[in-house]
Amino acid sequence: MQLYQPRDFHALLVNRAPLSVAEIRFFGRKLVAGLSHIHEAGIRHCDLKPENVLVDTGMQLKITDLGLAEESSAVSHRTAGTPGYWAPEVLEGKVHTDKIDVFSLGVIFHQMFSRKSLNITAG
């Protein structure tokens, strides 16, 4: 396996100066491409967060930890993953689709721009 330093994207977000717009664009494209690849393979990640994205020494990203993943075709009501990244339909116990990963990606974008965690579950 390749060497990853810092180990995850969360460490990069909290240990560096604020990301520039160019860096956000760079990382954003990588995240969107990675999530698109996962969805095209018929997989719903269900726990997308910065801690589950590794960064290598060349600043390339790898989406990891598919332990909670499920097939995209599966009808799901399950509440799984990390609460701060849950989409509203997960919070409400409604049927959800791959869009829950897109919502989590939006939370990551918020963190890249603001350097703050967005507490969705706080109401």
Protein backbone atom coordinates (compact mmCIF):
# COMPACT_ATOMS: atom_id res chain seq x y z
CA MET A 1 0.00 0.00 0.00
CA GLN A 2 1.16 3.51 -0.71
CA LEU A 3 2.40 5.74 2.12
CA TYR A 4 -0.04 8.42 3.23
CA GLN A 5 1.15 11.53 5.10
CA PRO A 6 -0.82 13.10 6.73
CA ARG A 7 -2.84 9.99 7.27
CA ASP A 8 -6.28 11.42 6.53
CA PHE A 9 -7.92 14.48 5.01
CA HIS A 10 -9.23 15.62 8.41
CA ALA A 11 -5.64 15.99 9.66
CA LEU A 12 -4.84 18.10 6.61
CA LEU A 13 -7.88 20.33 7.22
CA VAL A 14 -7.11 20.98 10.90
CA ASN A 15 -3.30 21.14 10.79
CA ARG A 16 -2.77 23.53 7.90
CA ALA A 17 -3.50 27.16 7.25
CA PRO A 18 -6.91 27.72 5.62
CA LEU A 19 -7.12 26.14 2.18
CA SER A 20 -6.96 28.49 -0.77
CA VAL A 21 -9.75 28.51 -3.34
CA ALA A 22 -7.39 26.74 -5.77
CA GLU A 23 -6.72 23.99 -3.19
CA ILE A 24 -10.44 23.61 -2.45
CA ARG A 25 -11.08 23.31 -6.18
CA PHE A 26 -8.27 20.73 -6.52
CA PHE A 27 -9.42 18.59 -3.58
CA GLY A 28 -13.08 19.10 -4.46
CA ARG A 29 -12.57 17.70 -7.95
CA LYS A 30 -10.74 14.70 -6.52
CA LEU A 31 -13.52 14.03 -4.00
CA VAL A 32 -16.27 14.36 -6.60
CA ALA A 33 -14.40 12.05 -8.99
CA GLY A 34 -13.81 9.46 -6.27
CA LEU A 35 -17.42 9.50 -5.11
CA SER A 36 -18.64 9.32 -8.71
CA HIS A 37 -16.46 6.25 -9.24
CA ILE A 38 -17.90 4.57 -6.14
CA HIS A 39 -21.48 5.35 -7.20
CA GLU A 40 -20.87 4.17 -10.78
CA ALA A 41 -19.72 0.86 -9.27
CA GLY A 42 -23.13 0.56 -7.63
CA ILE A 43 -21.96 1.30 -4.10
CA ARG A 44 -23.33 3.74 -1.52
CA HIS A 45 -20.53 4.70 0.92
CA CYS A 46 -22.78 5.65 3.90
CA ASP A 47 -19.94 7.13 6.00
CA LEU A 48 -18.18 9.72 3.88
CA LYS A 49 -16.18 12.11 6.06
CA PRO A 50 -12.66 13.61 6.02
CA GLU A 51 -11.35 10.89 8.34
CA ASN A 52 -12.26 8.32 5.66
CA VAL A 53 -10.28 10.09 2.93
CA LEU A 54 -6.54 9.42 2.82
CA VAL A 55 -4.03 11.91 1.42
CA ASP A 56 -0.74 10.72 -0.06
CA THR A 57 2.52 12.69 -0.23
CA GLY A 58 1.54 13.93 -3.71
CA MET A 59 -1.76 15.30 -2.33
CA GLN A 60 -3.84 12.66 -4.10
CA LEU A 61 -6.96 11.51 -2.29
CA LYS A 62 -8.27 7.99 -1.71
CA ILE A 63 -11.75 7.38 -0.30
CA THR A 64 -11.53 4.52 2.21
CA ASP A 65 -13.46 2.66 4.90
CA LEU A 66 -16.30 1.06 3.01
CA GLY A 67 -17.27 -0.94 6.10
CA LEU A 68 -20.77 0.57 6.19
CA ALA A 69 -21.23 0.63 2.42
CA GLU A 70 -24.19 -0.98 0.75
CA GLU A 71 -25.36 -1.64 -2.78
CA SER A 72 -26.89 1.41 -4.42
CA SER A 73 -29.90 -0.62 -5.47
CA ALA A 74 -30.71 -1.51 -1.84
CA VAL A 75 -33.66 0.28 -0.25
CA SER A 76 -32.29 1.60 3.02
CA HIS A 77 -33.80 3.06 6.17
CA ARG A 78 -30.76 2.40 8.28
CA THR A 79 -29.11 5.02 10.43
CA ALA A 80 -25.40 4.37 9.98
CA GLY A 81 -22.28 6.44 9.69
CA THR A 82 -21.16 9.55 11.53
CA PRO A 83 -23.95 11.81 12.84
CA GLY A 84 -22.38 15.12 11.77
CA TYR A 85 -22.43 13.95 8.15
CA TRP A 86 -25.94 12.45 8.01
CA ALA A 87 -28.35 13.72 5.40
CA PRO A 88 -31.79 14.86 6.65
CA GLU A 89 -33.46 11.70 5.35
CA VAL A 90 -31.09 9.57 7.46
CA LEU A 91 -31.84 11.69 10.54
CA GLU A 92 -35.57 11.27 9.93
CA GLY A 93 -35.33 7.51 9.30
CA LYS A 94 -36.69 7.84 5.77
CA VAL A 95 -35.74 5.77 2.74
CA HIS A 96 -32.51 7.09 1.27
CA THR A 97 -30.41 6.76 -1.84
CA ASP A 98 -26.87 7.59 -2.98
CA LYS A 99 -27.77 11.24 -2.42
CA ILE A 100 -26.83 10.79 1.24
CA ASP A 101 -23.19 10.58 0.12
CA VAL A 102 -23.60 13.78 -1.88
CA PHE A 103 -24.94 15.51 1.23
CA SER A 104 -21.91 14.28 3.21
CA LEU A 105 -19.68 15.63 0.45
CA GLY A 106 -21.39 19.01 0.86
CA VAL A 107 -20.56 18.95 4.58
CA ILE A 108 -16.92 18.27 3.68
CA PHE A 109 -16.97 21.25 1.28
CA HIS A 110 -18.35 23.38 4.11
CA GLN A 111 -15.43 22.27 6.28
CA MET A 112 -12.92 23.08 3.54
CA PHE A 113 -14.27 26.62 3.23
CA SER A 114 -14.94 27.38 6.89
CA ARG A 115 -12.52 25.04 8.75
CA LYS A 116 -15.45 24.32 11.10
CA SER A 117 -17.49 21.21 11.62
CA LEU A 118 -21.11 21.58 10.64
CA ASN A 119 -23.36 20.11 13.34
CA ILE A 120 -26.38 18.90 11.37
CA THR A 121 -27.72 16.87 14.28
CA ALA A 122 -27.96 19.90 16.61
CA GLY A 123 -31.28 20.91 15.03
